[in-house]
Amino acid sequence: MGMATVIKEDKPGIEERYLTATNTSDLTFDAARSSQADVIGAAGMVRNRLGMALWHLQSAWDKADKPAKRSAAEIAKRAAEIPDKKGRPDLKRAQAEALVWHAGAMRALAQSMPGRSAALGLLKEWATFYGVDHDLLSPALFHFLAPRCPVCEGTRRVHHGYGKPGATEKTCDHCKGIGDWPRPLGADRVHEHMRKCFQRAKSDMVGALYG
């Protein structure tokens, strides 16, 4: 009789466990095994307030229904409504309008997220203490939530001839093949502070759950 092959399943990461715990109605404590109640309890032990606020906001954003992009058919219809100087459908303008509309819809959703005001308030406290321009905070917070390039959606490549079947692929011009859209100008210090706080919160959570 041969040896049985044991397949190990990957355990959910700390981000996935927190997302699941904040999206469940069953927070029953179980002394015999790790439960969702343990995750919520560990979150309460996190010392970094901004890091935990960012994590909560990110979790809410990840499970939110995002606005759908306008379809190729919708863009083509709009292009026909706005002919160029030669009387042809202005596809480039219609594409630009669709991109601007979707970006606005995403920002509106981000501004309505539960927990955004708490995270922004903590950011303002830090910014006031260190003399950082408050106007940088909201754009930086939105980039933290939605860093992917709005054109290629993080794939780094787009179809040449947007919306046309069988179009060839090329490197995304909008993000220059990086996959993320550029950070708001002057906000690097804000981004670094958020990154550090988020990582500290994650470290505290891991320590509380597994330490």
C-alpha atoms as a PDB file:
ATOM      1  CA  MET A   1       0.000   0.000   0.000  1.00  0.00           C
ATOM      2  CA  GLY A   2       1.522   3.285  -1.081  1.00  0.00           C
ATOM      3  CA  MET A   3       1.982   6.315   1.044  1.00  0.00           C
ATOM      4  CA  ALA A   4      -0.943   8.756   0.979  1.00  0.00           C
ATOM      5  CA  THR A   5      -0.194  12.166  -0.453  1.00  0.00           C
ATOM      6  CA  VAL A   6      -1.044  14.955   1.932  1.00  0.00           C
ATOM      7  CA  ILE A   7      -2.189  18.163   0.292  1.00  0.00           C
ATOM      8  CA  LYS A   8      -1.865  21.256   2.437  1.00  0.00           C
ATOM      9  CA  GLU A   9      -4.358  23.992   1.828  1.00  0.00           C
ATOM     10  CA  ASP A  10      -3.199  27.577   2.124  1.00  0.00           C
ATOM     11  CA  LYS A  11      -4.508  29.236   5.251  1.00  0.00           C
ATOM     12  CA  PRO A  12      -6.287  32.562   4.763  1.00  0.00           C
ATOM     13  CA  GLY A  13      -4.057  35.570   5.355  1.00  0.00           C
ATOM     14  CA  ILE A  14      -4.670  38.087   8.117  1.00  0.00           C
ATOM     15  CA  GLU A  15      -6.312  40.536   5.678  1.00  0.00           C
ATOM     16  CA  GLU A  16      -8.750  37.869   4.461  1.00  0.00           C
ATOM     17  CA  ARG A  17      -9.553  36.794   8.030  1.00  0.00           C
ATOM     18  CA  TYR A  18     -10.300  40.364   9.067  1.00  0.00           C
ATOM     19  CA  LEU A  19     -12.460  40.970   5.989  1.00  0.00           C
ATOM     20  CA  THR A  20     -14.436  37.788   6.746  1.00  0.00           C
ATOM     21  CA  ALA A  21     -14.810  38.646  10.422  1.00  0.00           C
ATOM     22  CA  THR A  22     -16.137  42.135   9.717  1.00  0.00           C
ATOM     23  CA  ASN A  23     -18.653  40.691   7.273  1.00  0.00           C
ATOM     24  CA  THR A  24     -20.168  37.999   9.506  1.00  0.00           C
ATOM     25  CA  SER A  25     -23.041  38.007  11.969  1.00  0.00           C
ATOM     26  CA  ASP A  26     -21.658  35.048  13.938  1.00  0.00           C
ATOM     27  CA  LEU A  27     -19.169  36.296  16.516  1.00  0.00           C
ATOM     28  CA  THR A  28     -19.627  33.394  18.913  1.00  0.00           C
ATOM     29  CA  PHE A  29     -16.524  32.709  20.996  1.00  0.00           C
ATOM     30  CA  ASP A  30     -15.217  29.139  20.734  1.00  0.00           C
ATOM     31  CA  ALA A  31     -12.509  28.165  23.218  1.00  0.00           C
ATOM     32  CA  ALA A  32     -11.701  25.026  21.197  1.00  0.00           C
ATOM     33  CA  ARG A  33     -10.722  26.798  17.996  1.00  0.00           C
ATOM     34  CA  SER A  34      -9.882  30.130  16.457  1.00  0.00           C
ATOM     35  CA  SER A  35     -13.065  32.021  15.611  1.00  0.00           C
ATOM     36  CA  GLN A  36     -14.183  35.282  14.018  1.00  0.00           C
ATOM     37  CA  ALA A  37     -14.620  36.644  17.545  1.00  0.00           C
ATOM     38  CA  ASP A  38     -10.877  36.149  18.091  1.00  0.00           C
ATOM     39  CA  VAL A  39     -10.121  38.261  15.017  1.00  0.00           C
ATOM     40  CA  ILE A  40     -12.372  41.108  16.172  1.00  0.00           C
ATOM     41  CA  GLY A  41     -10.846  40.861  19.643  1.00  0.00           C
ATOM     42  CA  ALA A  42      -7.348  41.039  18.173  1.00  0.00           C
ATOM     43  CA  ALA A  43      -8.353  44.134  16.206  1.00  0.00           C
ATOM     44  CA  GLY A  44      -9.291  45.783  19.487  1.00  0.00           C
ATOM     45  CA  MET A  45      -5.739  45.206  20.759  1.00  0.00           C
ATOM     46  CA  VAL A  46      -4.091  47.031  17.860  1.00  0.00           C
ATOM     47  CA  ARG A  47      -2.228  50.047  19.222  1.00  0.00           C
ATOM     48  CA  ASN A  48      -1.964  52.024  15.987  1.00  0.00           C
ATOM     49  CA  ARG A  49      -5.286  53.846  15.624  1.00  0.00           C
ATOM     50  CA  LEU A  50      -4.709  55.140  12.096  1.00  0.00           C
ATOM     51  CA  GLY A  51      -3.480  51.757  10.915  1.00  0.00           C
ATOM     52  CA  MET A  52      -6.604  50.069  12.223  1.00  0.00           C
ATOM     53  CA  ALA A  53      -8.839  52.789  10.741  1.00  0.00           C
ATOM     54  CA  LEU A  54      -7.166  52.318   7.363  1.00  0.00           C
ATOM     55  CA  TRP A  55      -7.571  48.560   7.588  1.00  0.00           C
ATOM     56  CA  HIS A  56     -11.264  48.901   8.437  1.00  0.00           C
ATOM     57  CA  LEU A  57     -11.743  51.345   5.559  1.00  0.00           C
ATOM     58  CA  GLN A  58      -9.868  49.088   3.134  1.00  0.00           C
ATOM     59  CA  SER A  59     -12.031  46.128   4.152  1.00  0.00           C
ATOM     60  CA  ALA A  60     -15.221  48.126   3.558  1.00  0.00           C
ATOM     61  CA  TRP A  61     -13.890  49.272   0.176  1.00  0.00           C
ATOM     62  CA  ASP A  62     -12.903  45.760  -0.913  1.00  0.00           C
ATOM     63  CA  LYS A  63     -16.402  44.388  -0.357  1.00  0.00           C
ATOM     64  CA  ALA A  64     -18.243  47.427  -1.789  1.00  0.00           C
ATOM     65  CA  ASP A  65     -19.983  47.168  -5.163  1.00  0.00           C
ATOM     66  CA  LYS A  66     -17.893  49.288  -7.525  1.00  0.00           C
ATOM     67  CA  PRO A  67     -19.486  51.321 -10.336  1.00  0.00           C
ATOM     68  CA  ALA A  68     -19.273  49.485 -13.657  1.00  0.00           C
ATOM     69  CA  LYS A  69     -17.354  51.060 -16.492  1.00  0.00           C
ATOM     70  CA  ARG A  70     -19.286  52.175 -19.540  1.00  0.00           C
ATOM     71  CA  SER A  71     -19.402  49.410 -22.123  1.00  0.00           C
ATOM     72  CA  ALA A  72     -17.895  49.566 -25.599  1.00  0.00           C
ATOM     73  CA  ALA A  73     -21.426  49.867 -27.008  1.00  0.00           C
ATOM     74  CA  GLU A  74     -22.225  52.801 -24.717  1.00  0.00           C
ATOM     75  CA  ILE A  75     -18.991  54.529 -25.677  1.00  0.00           C
ATOM     76  CA  ALA A  76     -19.655  53.961 -29.377  1.00  0.00           C
ATOM     77  CA  LYS A  77     -23.162  55.394 -28.989  1.00  0.00           C
ATOM     78  CA  ARG A  78     -21.807  58.481 -27.234  1.00  0.00           C
ATOM     79  CA  ALA A  79     -19.105  58.896 -29.900  1.00  0.00           C
ATOM     80  CA  ALA A  80     -21.813  59.025 -32.574  1.00  0.00           C
ATOM     81  CA  GLU A  81     -23.498  61.852 -30.645  1.00  0.00           C
ATOM     82  CA  ILE A  82     -20.338  63.986 -30.645  1.00  0.00           C
ATOM     83  CA  PRO A  83     -18.861  63.898 -34.177  1.00  0.00           C
ATOM     84  CA  ASP A  84     -15.386  65.326 -34.782  1.00  0.00           C
ATOM     85  CA  LYS A  85     -14.542  68.105 -37.259  1.00  0.00           C
ATOM     86  CA  LYS A  86     -14.831  65.655 -40.135  1.00  0.00           C
ATOM     87  CA  GLY A  87     -18.248  64.473 -39.032  1.00  0.00           C
ATOM     88  CA  ARG A  88     -17.025  61.077 -37.814  1.00  0.00           C
ATOM     89  CA  PRO A  89     -17.876  59.622 -34.387  1.00  0.00           C
ATOM     90  CA  ASP A  90     -15.361  61.063 -31.908  1.00  0.00           C
ATOM     91  CA  LEU A  91     -14.317  57.835 -30.178  1.00  0.00           C
ATOM     92  CA  LYS A  92     -11.369  59.356 -28.330  1.00  0.00           C
ATOM     93  CA  ARG A  93     -13.511  62.036 -26.748  1.00  0.00           C
ATOM     94  CA  ALA A  94     -16.173  59.472 -25.815  1.00  0.00           C
ATOM     95  CA  GLN A  95     -13.508  57.273 -24.224  1.00  0.00           C
ATOM     96  CA  ALA A  96     -12.146  60.243 -22.262  1.00  0.00           C
ATOM     97  CA  GLU A  97     -15.626  61.157 -21.047  1.00  0.00           C
ATOM     98  CA  ALA A  98     -16.246  57.568 -19.952  1.00  0.00           C
ATOM     99  CA  LEU A  99     -12.949  57.505 -18.050  1.00  0.00           C
ATOM    100  CA  VAL A 100     -13.676  60.815 -16.293  1.00  0.00           C
ATOM    101  CA  TRP A 101     -17.204  59.667 -15.413  1.00  0.00           C
ATOM    102  CA  HIS A 102     -15.980  56.382 -13.920  1.00  0.00           C
ATOM    103  CA  ALA A 103     -13.217  58.105 -11.943  1.00  0.00           C
ATOM    104  CA  GLY A 104     -15.797  60.485 -10.492  1.00  0.00           C
ATOM    105  CA  ALA A 105     -18.118  57.623  -9.595  1.00  0.00           C
ATOM    106  CA  MET A 106     -15.263  55.786  -7.850  1.00  0.00           C
ATOM    107  CA  ARG A 107     -14.336  58.904  -5.868  1.00  0.00           C
ATOM    108  CA  ALA A 108     -17.957  59.449  -4.861  1.00  0.00           C
ATOM    109  CA  LEU A 109     -18.129  55.863  -3.616  1.00  0.00           C
ATOM    110  CA  ALA A 110     -14.874  56.257  -1.679  1.00  0.00           C
ATOM    111  CA  GLN A 111     -16.178  59.411  -0.008  1.00  0.00           C
ATOM    112  CA  SER A 112     -19.306  57.549   1.126  1.00  0.00           C
ATOM    113  CA  MET A 113     -17.398  54.659   2.702  1.00  0.00           C
ATOM    114  CA  PRO A 114     -18.077  53.908   6.391  1.00  0.00           C
ATOM    115  CA  GLY A 115     -14.958  54.743   8.338  1.00  0.00           C
ATOM    116  CA  ARG A 116     -13.560  57.288   5.853  1.00  0.00           C
ATOM    117  CA  SER A 117     -14.223  60.261   8.131  1.00  0.00           C
ATOM    118  CA  ALA A 118     -12.480  58.493  11.031  1.00  0.00           C
ATOM    119  CA  ALA A 119      -9.393  57.702   8.958  1.00  0.00           C
ATOM    120  CA  LEU A 120      -9.309  61.202   7.486  1.00  0.00           C
ATOM    121  CA  GLY A 121      -9.693  62.738  10.937  1.00  0.00           C
ATOM    122  CA  LEU A 122      -6.682  60.799  12.254  1.00  0.00           C
ATOM    123  CA  LEU A 123      -4.695  61.779   9.175  1.00  0.00           C
ATOM    124  CA  LYS A 124      -5.547  65.439   9.817  1.00  0.00           C
ATOM    125  CA  GLU A 125      -4.290  65.168  13.400  1.00  0.00           C
ATOM    126  CA  TRP A 126      -0.970  63.824  12.135  1.00  0.00           C
ATOM    127  CA  ALA A 127      -0.780  66.378   9.300  1.00  0.00           C
ATOM    128  CA  THR A 128      -1.435  69.288  11.659  1.00  0.00           C
ATOM    129  CA  PHE A 129       1.276  68.139  14.052  1.00  0.00           C
ATOM    130  CA  TYR A 130       3.869  67.723  11.286  1.00  0.00           C
ATOM    131  CA  GLY A 131       2.863  70.679   9.137  1.00  0.00           C
ATOM    132  CA  VAL A 132       1.590  68.636   6.173  1.00  0.00           C
ATOM    133  CA  ASP A 133      -0.853  70.262   3.748  1.00  0.00           C
ATOM    134  CA  HIS A 134      -4.387  68.990   4.500  1.00  0.00           C
ATOM    135  CA  ASP A 135      -5.309  69.270   0.817  1.00  0.00           C
ATOM    136  CA  LEU A 136      -3.056  66.267   0.135  1.00  0.00           C
ATOM    137  CA  LEU A 137      -4.879  63.939   2.501  1.00  0.00           C
ATOM    138  CA  SER A 138      -8.106  63.152   0.656  1.00  0.00           C
ATOM    139  CA  PRO A 139      -6.408  62.451  -2.713  1.00  0.00           C
ATOM    140  CA  ALA A 140      -3.784  60.301  -0.966  1.00  0.00           C
ATOM    141  CA  LEU A 141      -6.468  58.366   0.906  1.00  0.00           C
ATOM    142  CA  PHE A 142      -8.344  57.688  -2.334  1.00  0.00           C
ATOM    143  CA  HIS A 143      -5.134  56.450  -3.969  1.00  0.00           C
ATOM    144  CA  PHE A 144      -4.563  54.191  -0.946  1.00  0.00           C
ATOM    145  CA  LEU A 145      -7.963  52.591  -1.574  1.00  0.00           C
ATOM    146  CA  ALA A 146      -7.837  52.491  -5.381  1.00  0.00           C
ATOM    147  CA  PRO A 147      -4.231  52.530  -6.627  1.00  0.00           C
ATOM    148  CA  ARG A 148      -4.841  50.554  -9.832  1.00  0.00           C
ATOM    149  CA  CYS A 149      -4.639  52.353 -13.147  1.00  0.00           C
ATOM    150  CA  PRO A 150      -8.218  53.213 -14.217  1.00  0.00           C
ATOM    151  CA  VAL A 151      -7.437  52.407 -17.862  1.00  0.00           C
ATOM    152  CA  CYS A 152      -5.734  48.984 -17.713  1.00  0.00           C
ATOM    153  CA  GLU A 153      -7.050  48.119 -14.197  1.00  0.00           C
ATOM    154  CA  GLY A 154      -3.620  46.970 -13.101  1.00  0.00           C
ATOM    155  CA  THR A 155      -2.947  44.625 -16.035  1.00  0.00           C
ATOM    156  CA  ARG A 156      -0.357  47.048 -17.477  1.00  0.00           C
ATOM    157  CA  ARG A 157      -1.601  46.420 -21.007  1.00  0.00           C
ATOM    158  CA  VAL A 158      -4.539  47.670 -23.081  1.00  0.00           C
ATOM    159  CA  HIS A 159      -6.115  46.895 -26.404  1.00  0.00           C
ATOM    160  CA  HIS A 160      -4.930  49.116 -29.222  1.00  0.00           C
ATOM    161  CA  GLY A 161      -8.200  50.482 -30.532  1.00  0.00           C
ATOM    162  CA  TYR A 162     -10.184  50.534 -27.287  1.00  0.00           C
ATOM    163  CA  GLY A 163     -13.379  48.522 -27.453  1.00  0.00           C
ATOM    164  CA  LYS A 164     -12.704  46.909 -30.819  1.00  0.00           C
ATOM    165  CA  PRO A 165     -12.802  43.070 -31.017  1.00  0.00           C
ATOM    166  CA  GLY A 166      -9.469  41.465 -31.909  1.00  0.00           C
ATOM    167  CA  ALA A 167      -7.506  44.617 -31.191  1.00  0.00           C
ATOM    168  CA  THR A 168      -3.805  44.179 -30.558  1.00  0.00           C
ATOM    169  CA  GLU A 169      -2.382  44.756 -27.093  1.00  0.00           C
ATOM    170  CA  LYS A 170       0.147  47.389 -26.125  1.00  0.00           C
ATOM    171  CA  THR A 171       1.652  48.816 -22.950  1.00  0.00           C
ATOM    172  CA  CYS A 172      -0.780  51.098 -21.155  1.00  0.00           C
ATOM    173  CA  ASP A 173       0.129  54.701 -21.906  1.00  0.00           C
ATOM    174  CA  HIS A 174      -1.773  56.026 -18.897  1.00  0.00           C
ATOM    175  CA  CYS A 175       0.357  54.257 -16.262  1.00  0.00           C
ATOM    176  CA  LYS A 176       3.396  53.576 -18.503  1.00  0.00           C
ATOM    177  CA  GLY A 177       3.085  49.852 -17.852  1.00  0.00           C
ATOM    178  CA  ILE A 178       3.324  50.150 -14.051  1.00  0.00           C
ATOM    179  CA  GLY A 179      -0.237  49.052 -13.310  1.00  0.00           C
ATOM    180  CA  ASP A 180      -0.921  51.822 -10.769  1.00  0.00           C
ATOM    181  CA  TRP A 181      -1.840  55.408 -11.507  1.00  0.00           C
ATOM    182  CA  PRO A 182       0.623  58.066 -10.243  1.00  0.00           C
ATOM    183  CA  ARG A 183       0.367  59.186  -6.655  1.00  0.00           C
ATOM    184  CA  PRO A 184      -0.938  62.708  -6.082  1.00  0.00           C
ATOM    185  CA  LEU A 185       1.905  65.204  -6.404  1.00  0.00           C
ATOM    186  CA  GLY A 186       3.531  66.050  -3.083  1.00  0.00           C
ATOM    187  CA  ALA A 187       1.755  63.277  -1.183  1.00  0.00           C
ATOM    188  CA  ASP A 188       4.656  60.817  -0.852  1.00  0.00           C
ATOM    189  CA  ARG A 189       5.078  61.631   2.844  1.00  0.00           C
ATOM    190  CA  VAL A 190       1.380  60.976   3.465  1.00  0.00           C
ATOM    191  CA  HIS A 191       1.528  57.662   1.597  1.00  0.00           C
ATOM    192  CA  GLU A 192       4.595  56.534   3.533  1.00  0.00           C
ATOM    193  CA  HIS A 193       2.913  57.373   6.847  1.00  0.00           C
ATOM    194  CA  MET A 194      -0.220  55.412   5.875  1.00  0.00           C
ATOM    195  CA  ARG A 195       1.876  52.461   4.694  1.00  0.00           C
ATOM    196  CA  LYS A 196       3.800  52.310   7.972  1.00  0.00           C
ATOM    197  CA  CYS A 197       0.659  52.602  10.089  1.00  0.00           C
ATOM    198  CA  PHE A 198      -1.103  49.906   8.066  1.00  0.00           C
ATOM    199  CA  GLN A 199       1.859  47.525   8.440  1.00  0.00           C
ATOM    200  CA  ARG A 200       2.105  48.212  12.179  1.00  0.00           C
ATOM    201  CA  ALA A 201      -1.574  47.408  12.576  1.00  0.00           C
ATOM    202  CA  LYS A 202      -1.078  44.180  10.648  1.00  0.00           C
ATOM    203  CA  SER A 203       1.895  43.257  12.839  1.00  0.00           C
ATOM    204  CA  ASP A 204      -0.132  43.925  15.995  1.00  0.00           C
ATOM    205  CA  MET A 205      -2.998  41.786  14.681  1.00  0.00           C
ATOM    206  CA  VAL A 206      -0.689  38.891  13.856  1.00  0.00           C
ATOM    207  CA  GLY A 207       0.911  39.148  17.293  1.00  0.00           C
ATOM    208  CA  ALA A 208      -2.465  39.177  19.064  1.00  0.00           C
ATOM    209  CA  LEU A 209      -3.791  36.196  17.118  1.00  0.00           C
ATOM    210  CA  TYR A 210      -0.720  33.991  16.812  1.00  0.00           C
ATOM    211  CA  GLY A 211       1.772  35.378  19.313  1.00  0.00           C
END
